[in-house]
Amino acid sequence: MFFNVKASPALDSHARHPYRLGTFVVLILIPAFGYAQSSALTLGQALQFATQRSASSQAAAASVQASREMVAKANQLPDPMLKFGVDNLPVTGPDRYSLTRDFMTQRRVGIEQQWISADKRTARVERGERAVDAEEANYLTNVAKVREETAVAWINLFFAKRSLELLKGLENETSQDLATGQAALRGAKAGAADVLQTQLALSQAQDRTRKEEQVLKSARTALARWVAVPVETVVGTLPPLTSHVPSLPVEELEKYHPMLLSARRAITLADAETTVATTERRPDWSFEAGFAQRGSQYSNMVSVGVSIPIPVNRAQRQDRDIAEKSALGTKARMQYEDALRELQAELQDQSVTLSSLQERVSRLKKELLPTANQQVELAMAAYRSGTGSLAAVFNAKRMALDAQMQVLDVEKEAATTWAKLEYHVIPHDHAGIRRIDQ
């Protein structure tokens, strides 16, 4: 009569494999009409819906777009400068303030253009593209975070629902036992102590149920925070708790794990900054052409000129800029090495933890649950035969429930560890979003 815990079957392929969308623009902008009114979500639906409606993802996407706008600007020359002036205007004597009587007075109009060499502009464009890559890494990191948090929230609601079902089952059984005990008391077949014991057990079961109902409400709220719609429940089952992430080589982790992706792109951005600083060591020339009009009795004139900055202290200015950017590149490389070691240790620890938790679940289901259920059956048989007490029955049922709750807790911990492994990575379809989008 007591309830048993069974191993969870595999989820459908939507939860195991990430959904597929072409570009992050589509990912952010398309509305999820199919789920707008849904109050029951599978794991795959929750992940898709959360990513589509994430305000932080939209903000990160806007930052990427802002960086892209700067790339086009990087290849442009500065705006030309239109110049007006009056040269050699007399301020004393009979010709003072006259624009035409003195032969040296001239009204001048000209244009000046600063010329930036092609290699400088190429270096600036490269730096802009690497800045876009860095912003995209931030966007992808946000996508991974949203997916991980959503998966954990879905798992919390999934197990809160299962725990509540177990507690309600015990409450219903205890309620039935109370009704049976009261009937036996009226027929003088049971004592008042047994009925009081049953009432006490029912009160305890009801309190545990109310407490778990509050946990369930909190889990609903947490999941709704990520999917941005009210959530009544979750549907489906957990997929097999296996993860491919710990076995990925470093070159794959650089593509799909946000920690290493961001660290690698920080290196390329730092190198691009160093290249720009190196090209800035050579000054930019400015070219000027002008037309000067004098009085009608004098000839008009045309002027051309070149302005060349003279670096007077390269060692303390331009070379310092290059050294600064080079040092920042070294910093980025050291941070990458540290991130790689941290990530490898974290993945190994999570993988070992997941394996250990799965072994515990298997052992508990094989050894603990059958023993607990058998103890309930023996206590009930003893009570029916008159050799056991009702208190022993309730104690056995409570211990069986605690055993099943213990299994659920370990299963939940294993599922949460798996979600942090499997979903704190960038979906394969998002790893090259910039190249696809462009």
Protein backbone atom coordinates (compact mmCIF):
# COMPACT_ATOMS: atom_id res chain seq x y z
CA MET A 1 0.00 0.00 0.00
CA PHE A 2 2.97 2.33 0.49
CA PHE A 3 4.37 4.25 -2.48
CA ASN A 4 7.63 3.30 -4.18
CA VAL A 5 10.24 5.37 -6.01
CA LYS A 6 11.16 4.23 -9.51
CA ALA A 7 14.09 5.24 -11.69
CA SER A 8 13.31 8.15 -14.05
CA PRO A 9 13.03 7.23 -17.76
CA ALA A 10 14.80 9.25 -20.42
CA LEU A 11 13.42 12.53 -21.64
CA ASP A 12 12.68 13.18 -25.28
CA SER A 13 15.35 14.53 -27.60
CA HIS A 14 14.28 18.17 -27.12
CA ALA A 15 15.71 18.22 -23.60
CA ARG A 16 18.90 16.38 -24.54
CA HIS A 17 19.80 18.43 -27.59
CA PRO A 18 19.62 22.24 -27.59
CA TYR A 19 17.06 23.88 -29.86
CA ARG A 20 18.34 25.16 -33.17
CA LEU A 21 18.11 28.79 -34.30
CA GLY A 22 20.11 30.42 -37.04
CA THR A 23 21.34 33.64 -35.45
CA PHE A 24 21.20 35.40 -32.15
CA VAL A 25 19.08 38.16 -33.72
CA VAL A 26 16.40 35.62 -34.51
CA LEU A 27 16.89 34.09 -31.08
CA ILE A 28 16.22 37.40 -29.35
CA LEU A 29 13.48 38.88 -31.50
CA ILE A 30 11.09 36.10 -32.50
CA PRO A 31 8.08 35.81 -30.20
CA ALA A 32 7.30 32.47 -28.63
CA PHE A 33 3.57 32.51 -29.30
CA GLY A 34 3.30 28.76 -28.81
CA TYR A 35 4.22 29.01 -25.13
CA ALA A 36 2.82 32.42 -24.24
CA GLN A 37 -0.18 30.96 -22.48
CA SER A 38 1.41 27.70 -21.38
CA SER A 39 1.50 26.90 -17.68
CA ALA A 40 3.21 23.48 -18.03
CA LEU A 41 6.69 23.36 -19.52
CA THR A 42 9.08 20.63 -20.51
CA LEU A 43 12.76 21.20 -19.87
CA GLY A 44 13.42 21.93 -23.54
CA GLN A 45 10.55 24.43 -23.74
CA ALA A 46 11.69 26.19 -20.60
CA LEU A 47 15.22 26.57 -21.96
CA GLN A 48 14.02 27.93 -25.29
CA PHE A 49 11.48 30.27 -23.76
CA ALA A 50 13.90 31.64 -21.17
CA THR A 51 16.56 32.42 -23.75
CA GLN A 52 14.10 34.13 -26.08
CA ARG A 53 12.64 36.37 -23.41
CA SER A 54 15.76 37.15 -21.39
CA ALA A 55 16.16 40.92 -20.98
CA SER A 56 19.83 40.49 -20.10
CA SER A 57 20.39 38.57 -23.35
CA GLN A 58 18.69 41.36 -25.30
CA ALA A 59 20.92 43.90 -23.56
CA ALA A 60 24.02 41.86 -24.42
CA ALA A 61 22.85 41.57 -28.04
CA ALA A 62 22.45 45.35 -28.20
CA SER A 63 26.00 45.73 -26.93
CA VAL A 64 27.21 43.46 -29.72
CA GLN A 65 25.37 45.57 -32.28
CA ALA A 66 26.90 48.74 -30.83
CA SER A 67 30.38 47.26 -31.23
CA ARG A 68 29.64 46.31 -34.83
CA GLU A 69 28.68 49.86 -35.65
CA MET A 70 32.11 50.98 -34.47
CA VAL A 71 33.88 48.63 -36.89
CA ALA A 72 32.65 50.49 -39.99
CA LYS A 73 33.76 53.78 -38.45
CA ALA A 74 37.28 52.46 -37.82
CA ASN A 75 38.10 52.31 -41.55
CA GLN A 76 37.11 55.91 -42.30
CA LEU A 77 39.31 58.96 -42.65
CA PRO A 78 38.60 61.90 -40.33
CA ASP A 79 36.22 64.51 -41.69
CA PRO A 80 37.98 67.13 -43.82
CA MET A 81 38.29 70.58 -42.32
CA LEU A 82 36.97 73.62 -44.21
CA LYS A 83 39.06 76.68 -43.41
CA PHE A 84 38.22 80.40 -43.82
CA GLY A 85 40.37 83.39 -42.96
CA VAL A 86 41.70 86.84 -43.74
CA ASP A 87 45.46 87.29 -43.91
CA ASN A 88 47.44 90.47 -43.47
CA LEU A 89 44.55 92.82 -42.74
CA PRO A 90 45.86 96.41 -42.05
CA VAL A 91 44.77 97.81 -38.70
CA THR A 92 46.55 101.19 -38.86
CA GLY A 93 47.19 103.83 -41.50
CA PRO A 94 45.00 104.97 -44.39
CA ASP A 95 44.26 101.37 -45.50
CA ARG A 96 43.19 100.11 -42.10
CA TYR A 97 40.42 97.50 -42.13
CA SER A 98 40.34 97.49 -45.93
CA LEU A 99 40.19 94.09 -47.61
CA THR A 100 41.22 95.29 -51.07
CA ARG A 101 43.61 98.24 -50.99
CA ASP A 102 46.74 96.59 -49.56
CA PHE A 103 48.45 94.11 -51.88
CA MET A 104 49.22 91.72 -49.01
CA THR A 105 45.63 91.46 -47.76
CA GLN A 106 43.87 88.32 -48.93
CA ARG A 107 40.63 86.50 -48.19
CA ARG A 108 41.38 82.83 -47.89
CA VAL A 109 39.34 79.65 -48.20
CA GLY A 110 40.81 76.17 -48.06
CA ILE A 111 40.40 72.57 -47.07
CA GLU A 112 42.53 70.34 -44.86
CA GLN A 113 42.49 66.57 -44.68
CA GLN A 114 44.28 64.40 -42.17
CA TRP A 115 45.52 61.25 -43.87
CA ILE A 116 45.59 58.00 -41.93
CA SER A 117 47.59 55.28 -43.59
CA ALA A 118 45.96 52.07 -44.81
CA ASP A 119 47.84 49.90 -42.31
CA LYS A 120 46.59 52.03 -39.42
CA ARG A 121 43.02 51.79 -40.61
CA THR A 122 43.37 48.04 -41.13
CA ALA A 123 44.71 47.67 -37.59
CA ARG A 124 41.82 49.71 -36.20
CA VAL A 125 39.29 47.62 -38.12
CA GLU A 126 40.91 44.46 -36.75
CA ARG A 127 40.71 45.85 -33.23
CA GLY A 128 37.05 46.70 -33.78
CA GLU A 129 36.31 43.18 -34.97
CA ARG A 130 38.07 41.70 -31.97
CA ALA A 131 36.02 44.01 -29.74
CA VAL A 132 32.89 42.63 -31.40
CA ASP A 133 34.17 39.12 -30.67
CA ALA A 134 34.64 40.07 -27.02
CA GLU A 135 31.11 41.47 -26.79
CA GLU A 136 29.77 38.34 -28.47
CA ALA A 137 31.59 36.29 -25.84
CA ASN A 138 29.72 38.31 -23.19
CA TYR A 139 26.46 37.63 -25.01
CA LEU A 140 27.17 33.89 -25.25
CA THR A 141 28.18 33.82 -21.59
CA ASN A 142 24.81 35.35 -20.78
CA VAL A 143 23.02 32.74 -22.91
CA ALA A 144 24.84 29.95 -21.06
CA LYS A 145 24.02 31.50 -17.66
CA VAL A 146 20.33 31.85 -18.53
CA ARG A 147 20.16 28.25 -19.75
CA GLU A 148 21.93 26.92 -16.66
CA GLU A 149 19.77 28.88 -14.21
CA THR A 150 16.61 27.88 -16.08
CA ALA A 151 17.56 24.21 -16.04
CA VAL A 152 18.28 24.33 -12.30
CA ALA A 153 14.97 26.12 -11.65
CA TRP A 154 13.10 23.52 -13.74
CA ILE A 155 14.79 20.70 -11.82
CA ASN A 156 13.91 22.30 -8.48
CA LEU A 157 10.25 22.50 -9.48
CA PHE A 158 10.36 18.96 -10.87
CA PHE A 159 11.60 17.52 -7.57
CA ALA A 160 9.39 19.76 -5.42
CA LYS A 161 6.44 18.32 -7.32
CA ARG A 162 7.60 14.74 -6.70
CA SER A 163 8.26 15.41 -3.02
CA LEU A 164 4.79 16.88 -2.59
CA GLU A 165 3.26 13.82 -4.21
CA LEU A 166 5.04 11.58 -1.70
CA LEU A 167 3.94 13.68 1.26
CA LYS A 168 0.36 13.84 0.05
CA GLY A 169 0.38 10.07 -0.33
CA LEU A 170 1.43 9.64 3.29
CA GLU A 171 -1.16 12.20 4.40
CA ASN A 172 -3.94 10.38 2.55
CA GLU A 173 -2.91 7.03 4.02
CA THR A 174 -2.77 8.46 7.51
CA SER A 175 -6.19 10.05 7.03
CA GLN A 176 -7.60 6.69 6.01
CA ASP A 177 -5.95 5.04 9.00
CA LEU A 178 -7.54 7.64 11.27
CA ALA A 179 -10.98 6.95 9.84
CA THR A 180 -10.42 3.21 10.31
CA GLY A 181 -9.15 3.72 13.87
CA GLN A 182 -12.14 5.89 14.80
CA ALA A 183 -14.50 3.25 13.47
CA ALA A 184 -12.63 0.58 15.44
CA LEU A 185 -12.84 2.74 18.57
CA ARG A 186 -16.60 3.03 18.22
CA GLY A 187 -16.77 -0.74 17.86
CA ALA A 188 -14.53 -1.23 20.90
CA LYS A 189 -11.94 -2.90 18.69
CA ALA A 190 -9.24 -0.25 19.23
CA GLY A 191 -8.11 1.89 22.11
CA ALA A 192 -8.22 5.67 22.42
CA ALA A 193 -4.41 5.79 22.49
CA ASP A 194 -4.24 4.36 18.98
CA VAL A 195 -6.66 6.98 17.70
CA LEU A 196 -4.69 9.77 19.38
CA GLN A 197 -1.50 8.38 17.88
CA THR A 198 -3.12 8.43 14.45
CA GLN A 199 -4.30 12.03 14.89
CA LEU A 200 -0.78 13.06 15.90
CA ALA A 201 0.71 11.33 12.86
CA LEU A 202 -1.86 13.01 10.59
CA SER A 203 -1.06 16.46 12.00
CA GLN A 204 2.64 15.90 11.40
CA ALA A 205 2.01 14.67 7.86
CA GLN A 206 -0.23 17.67 7.10
CA ASP A 207 2.42 20.09 8.39
CA ARG A 208 5.10 18.51 6.18
CA THR A 209 2.73 18.74 3.23
CA ARG A 210 2.02 22.43 3.84
CA LYS A 211 5.74 23.10 4.12
CA GLU A 212 6.44 21.34 0.82
CA GLU A 213 3.60 23.25 -0.85
CA GLN A 214 5.43 26.46 0.03
CA VAL A 215 8.62 25.02 -1.44
CA LEU A 216 6.67 24.22 -4.61
CA LYS A 217 5.33 27.78 -4.84
CA SER A 218 8.83 29.20 -4.45
CA ALA A 219 10.10 26.86 -7.17
CA ARG A 220 7.32 28.04 -9.51
CA THR A 221 8.26 31.65 -8.86
CA ALA A 222 11.94 30.95 -9.53
CA LEU A 223 11.21 29.26 -12.86
CA ALA A 224 8.73 31.98 -13.88
CA ARG A 225 11.50 34.54 -13.30
CA TRP A 226 13.48 32.96 -16.14
CA VAL A 227 10.72 32.01 -18.59
CA ALA A 228 8.82 35.29 -18.00
CA VAL A 229 5.37 33.65 -17.87
CA PRO A 230 3.42 32.12 -14.99
CA VAL A 231 4.26 28.46 -14.52
CA GLU A 232 1.83 26.04 -12.90
CA THR A 233 3.87 22.86 -13.24
CA VAL A 234 6.50 21.07 -15.28
CA VAL A 235 5.96 18.06 -17.49
CA GLY A 236 8.20 15.36 -18.89
CA THR A 237 10.96 13.47 -17.16
CA LEU A 238 14.67 13.95 -16.60
CA PRO A 239 17.00 12.89 -19.41
CA PRO A 240 19.85 10.47 -18.71
CA LEU A 241 22.27 12.32 -16.45
CA THR A 242 25.31 12.01 -18.70
CA SER A 243 27.43 14.93 -19.88
CA HIS A 244 29.93 15.16 -22.74
CA VAL A 245 31.44 18.42 -21.49
CA PRO A 246 34.20 16.97 -19.24
CA SER A 247 35.56 14.95 -22.16
CA LEU A 248 35.86 17.93 -24.55
CA PRO A 249 39.43 18.82 -25.61
CA VAL A 250 40.73 22.31 -24.93
CA GLU A 251 40.15 23.51 -28.50
CA GLU A 252 36.47 22.54 -28.17
CA LEU A 253 36.16 24.14 -24.75
CA GLU A 254 37.45 27.37 -26.28
CA LYS A 255 34.46 27.31 -28.63
CA TYR A 256 31.71 26.18 -26.31
CA HIS A 257 32.56 27.05 -22.70
CA PRO A 258 32.02 30.75 -21.94
CA MET A 259 34.84 30.99 -19.39
CA LEU A 260 37.49 29.84 -21.85
CA LEU A 261 35.87 31.52 -24.85
CA SER A 262 35.97 34.91 -23.11
CA ALA A 263 39.57 34.39 -21.98
CA ARG A 264 40.71 33.45 -25.51
CA ARG A 265 38.96 36.42 -27.10
CA ALA A 266 40.46 38.73 -24.51
CA ILE A 267 43.88 37.66 -25.81
CA THR A 268 43.00 38.42 -29.44
CA LEU A 269 41.61 41.82 -28.44
CA ALA A 270 44.76 42.64 -26.46
CA ASP A 271 46.93 41.65 -29.43
CA ALA A 272 44.85 43.87 -31.72
CA GLU A 273 45.29 46.76 -29.28
CA THR A 274 49.07 46.21 -29.36
CA THR A 275 49.05 46.28 -33.17
CA VAL A 276 47.13 49.56 -33.16
CA ALA A 277 49.56 51.09 -30.68
CA THR A 278 52.48 49.98 -32.86
CA THR A 279 51.01 51.63 -35.96
CA GLU A 280 50.29 54.80 -33.99
CA ARG A 281 54.03 55.18 -33.50
CA ARG A 282 54.11 56.72 -36.98
CA PRO A 283 52.44 60.17 -37.08
CA ASP A 284 49.57 61.07 -39.41
CA TRP A 285 50.19 63.69 -42.09
CA SER A 286 47.71 66.44 -42.95
CA PHE A 287 47.33 67.93 -46.44
CA GLU A 288 45.95 71.39 -47.11
CA ALA A 289 44.96 73.36 -50.22
CA GLY A 290 43.68 76.94 -50.23
CA PHE A 291 42.60 79.77 -52.49
CA ALA A 292 43.42 83.41 -51.58
CA GLN A 293 41.57 86.36 -53.14
CA ARG A 294 43.13 89.82 -53.09
CA GLY A 295 42.03 93.21 -54.40
CA SER A 296 41.03 93.46 -58.07
CA GLN A 297 44.33 95.14 -58.96
CA TYR A 298 46.31 92.19 -57.56
CA SER A 299 46.64 88.53 -58.53
CA ASN A 300 44.77 85.82 -56.69
CA MET A 301 46.82 83.00 -55.16
CA VAL A 302 46.67 79.26 -54.50
CA SER A 303 48.47 77.59 -51.60
CA VAL A 304 49.20 73.95 -50.80
CA GLY A 305 50.85 72.52 -47.74
CA VAL A 306 51.65 69.45 -45.67
CA SER A 307 51.68 69.22 -41.86
CA ILE A 308 53.88 66.53 -40.34
CA PRO A 309 53.89 65.96 -36.56
CA ILE A 310 57.37 65.63 -35.13
CA PRO A 311 57.64 62.95 -32.40
CA VAL A 312 60.13 64.48 -30.02
CA ASN A 313 60.00 61.85 -27.28
CA ARG A 314 58.89 58.51 -28.70
CA ALA A 315 60.54 56.55 -25.90
CA GLN A 316 58.31 58.19 -23.28
CA ARG A 317 55.10 58.44 -25.28
CA GLN A 318 54.47 56.12 -28.25
CA ASP A 319 56.81 53.40 -26.99
CA ARG A 320 55.13 53.56 -23.58
CA ASP A 321 51.75 52.99 -25.25
CA ILE A 322 53.12 49.93 -27.04
CA ALA A 323 54.63 48.59 -23.82
CA GLU A 324 51.34 49.13 -21.99
CA LYS A 325 49.32 47.20 -24.59
CA SER A 326 51.92 44.46 -24.71
CA ALA A 327 51.77 44.08 -20.94
CA LEU A 328 47.98 43.86 -21.12
CA GLY A 329 48.40 41.09 -23.70
CA THR A 330 50.63 39.22 -21.26
CA LYS A 331 48.00 39.72 -18.57
CA ALA A 332 45.31 38.27 -20.85
CA ARG A 333 47.46 35.22 -21.58
CA MET A 334 48.09 34.58 -17.90
CA GLN A 335 44.39 34.96 -17.16
CA TYR A 336 43.66 32.45 -19.91
CA GLU A 337 46.04 29.92 -18.35
CA ASP A 338 44.46 30.46 -14.96
CA ALA A 339 40.95 30.14 -16.41
CA LEU A 340 41.92 26.91 -18.18
CA ARG A 341 43.27 25.34 -14.99
CA GLU A 342 40.26 26.50 -13.00
CA LEU A 343 37.84 25.17 -15.61
CA GLN A 344 39.55 21.79 -15.91
CA ALA A 345 39.53 21.38 -12.12
CA GLU A 346 35.89 22.45 -11.93
CA LEU A 347 34.79 20.07 -14.69
CA GLN A 348 36.69 17.19 -13.14
CA ASP A 349 35.20 17.88 -9.72
CA GLN A 350 31.66 18.14 -11.09
CA SER A 351 32.11 14.99 -13.17
CA VAL A 352 33.35 13.00 -10.16
CA THR A 353 30.55 14.42 -8.01
CA LEU A 354 27.92 13.47 -10.58
CA SER A 355 29.28 9.94 -10.85
CA SER A 356 29.32 9.58 -7.06
CA LEU A 357 25.77 10.87 -6.71
CA GLN A 358 24.50 8.49 -9.37
CA GLU A 359 26.15 5.57 -7.57
CA ARG A 360 24.50 6.66 -4.32
CA VAL A 361 21.08 6.84 -5.98
CA SER A 362 21.51 3.37 -7.43
CA ARG A 363 22.64 1.93 -4.10
CA LEU A 364 19.86 3.61 -2.13
CA LYS A 365 17.20 2.34 -4.51
CA LYS A 366 18.64 -1.15 -4.38
CA GLU A 367 19.26 -1.39 -0.64
CA LEU A 368 17.42 1.31 1.33
CA LEU A 369 14.00 1.51 -0.32
CA PRO A 370 13.20 -2.23 -0.37
CA THR A 371 14.20 -2.53 3.30
CA ALA A 372 12.06 0.48 4.27
CA ASN A 373 9.01 -0.83 2.39
CA GLN A 374 9.48 -4.29 3.88
CA GLN A 375 9.59 -2.74 7.34
CA VAL A 376 6.22 -1.08 6.68
CA GLU A 377 4.71 -4.38 5.56
CA LEU A 378 6.00 -6.19 8.65
CA ALA A 379 4.72 -3.50 11.01
CA MET A 380 1.28 -3.56 9.40
CA ALA A 381 1.16 -7.36 9.49
CA ALA A 382 2.09 -7.32 13.19
CA TYR A 383 -0.60 -4.72 13.92
CA ARG A 384 -3.27 -6.74 12.11
CA SER A 385 -2.29 -9.85 14.02
CA GLY A 386 -2.46 -7.99 17.32
CA THR A 387 1.24 -8.38 18.13
CA GLY A 388 2.26 -4.87 17.08
CA SER A 389 1.20 -1.32 17.83
CA LEU A 390 -0.21 1.37 15.58
CA ALA A 391 2.67 3.60 16.65
CA ALA A 392 5.10 1.11 15.14
CA VAL A 393 3.16 1.26 11.85
CA PHE A 394 3.33 5.06 11.74
CA ASN A 395 7.00 5.02 12.65
CA ALA A 396 7.72 2.53 9.86
CA LYS A 397 5.78 4.62 7.33
CA ARG A 398 7.56 7.78 8.41
CA MET A 399 10.94 6.08 8.06
CA ALA A 400 9.95 4.78 4.62
CA LEU A 401 8.94 8.29 3.57
CA ASP A 402 12.20 9.70 4.91
CA ALA A 403 14.06 7.08 2.90
CA GLN A 404 12.23 8.04 -0.26
CA MET A 405 12.81 11.75 0.43
CA GLN A 406 16.48 10.97 0.94
CA VAL A 407 16.61 9.32 -2.49
CA LEU A 408 14.86 12.33 -4.03
CA ASP A 409 17.36 14.70 -2.40
CA VAL A 410 20.30 12.77 -3.85
CA GLU A 411 18.58 12.55 -7.25
CA LYS A 412 17.98 16.30 -7.16
CA GLU A 413 21.61 17.00 -6.26
CA ALA A 414 22.76 14.76 -9.11
CA ALA A 415 20.39 16.44 -11.57
CA THR A 416 21.52 19.91 -10.46
CA THR A 417 25.19 18.94 -10.86
CA TRP A 418 24.42 17.54 -14.31
CA ALA A 419 22.59 20.73 -15.33
CA LYS A 420 25.55 22.88 -14.28
CA LEU A 421 27.81 20.69 -16.41
CA GLU A 422 25.59 20.29 -19.44
CA TYR A 423 23.95 23.71 -19.72
CA HIS A 424 26.73 26.08 -18.66
CA VAL A 425 28.07 25.76 -22.18
CA ILE A 426 27.24 27.55 -25.40
CA PRO A 427 24.89 25.61 -27.70
CA HIS A 428 26.73 24.42 -30.80
CA ASP A 429 24.44 26.44 -33.07
CA HIS A 430 25.50 29.65 -31.31
CA ALA A 431 29.28 29.23 -31.38
CA GLY A 432 29.65 30.96 -34.77
CA ILE A 433 26.77 33.39 -34.66
CA ARG A 434 28.69 36.41 -35.98
CA ARG A 435 29.84 34.64 -39.10
CA ILE A 436 26.34 33.30 -39.72
CA ASP A 437 24.69 36.65 -39.08
CA GLN A 438 27.02 38.59 -41.31
